[in-house]
Amino acid sequence: MHETYGGEFLWLTDDHMNLRQRGKPLYEELRHRQCKDEIMIFFQARTDDMVRHPEVLGNLRDVGTYWILCGVETDSPEQLKEFNKNISASDAYTAMKLCRQYDIFTQAMFVIGGRKDTHETIEHLRQYSRDITSDLSIYSALTPFPGTSFYEDVKKNGLIQDTNYTNYDMVHAIMPTETLTRQEVQEELYRCYNSYYGSVIKGIAGVFAKNKLKRTVYRHMAGQRVLTRLRRLI
């Protein structure tokens, strides 16, 4: 793809890279190829897998892996169990630290709007998302996608309050929690973005970050006034 079509950005879109089974062979295949110096690899990985195989992370950085997305989701053990994640909230701290060590740009994903979520648990999540110090954070509202068992469960229990599928984008709140209305979940999602991106000092630090990709991303966000818009949410 690189030599024939000039491709430079390779996005491996599986939800889970599996560093031992896929990462190691990918490294072995690329390490002798000239293209490793001219491509950027982006993939998704579990934080516990990254913690178990730190040496593979370092090797993959050497062959062009500059960006990793992690489904951190939440710091709540109960919700992690509900999401069938089988990971520990502490794994995220170690995974982000490893990526900083290898100069890999990190994007963390978080979910709010589980049945047990309250104003307090979401505020705790906001603090957690800042503490793990990922380079970029994306927050989403728990969304019952049609065709999943989760959708069937919440539909059966009458929890779906928005049936317009154009809003099933993880940015619009679709359901309430036990204690929060759907509108309150939406407002909490806005607060998550405002909390993470609302600091002017943090934005400036991103623009002048040591990591080249982080500098590029934050300068683009600043140039497109994305950071300004995020600061104005709620």
Foldseek 3Di string as FASTA:
>chain_A
DCVPPVAAEAEDEDQACQCVVHLVVVLVVQVPDPCLVRHAYEYEHELVSCVVCLVSVLSSLSRHHQEYEYALAFQDPVVCVVVVVPDHNVSLLVNQVSCVVSLHAYEYEYEDAEQPDDLVRLVVRLVSVVVSDHLHYDYFYDAQDPPDPSVVVCVVVVFFDDPPCVQRPRQQQGGHHNPGGSVRRNLSNLVSLLSNLQDPVSLVCQCVDPRPVSVVVSVVCVVVCVSVVSNPRD
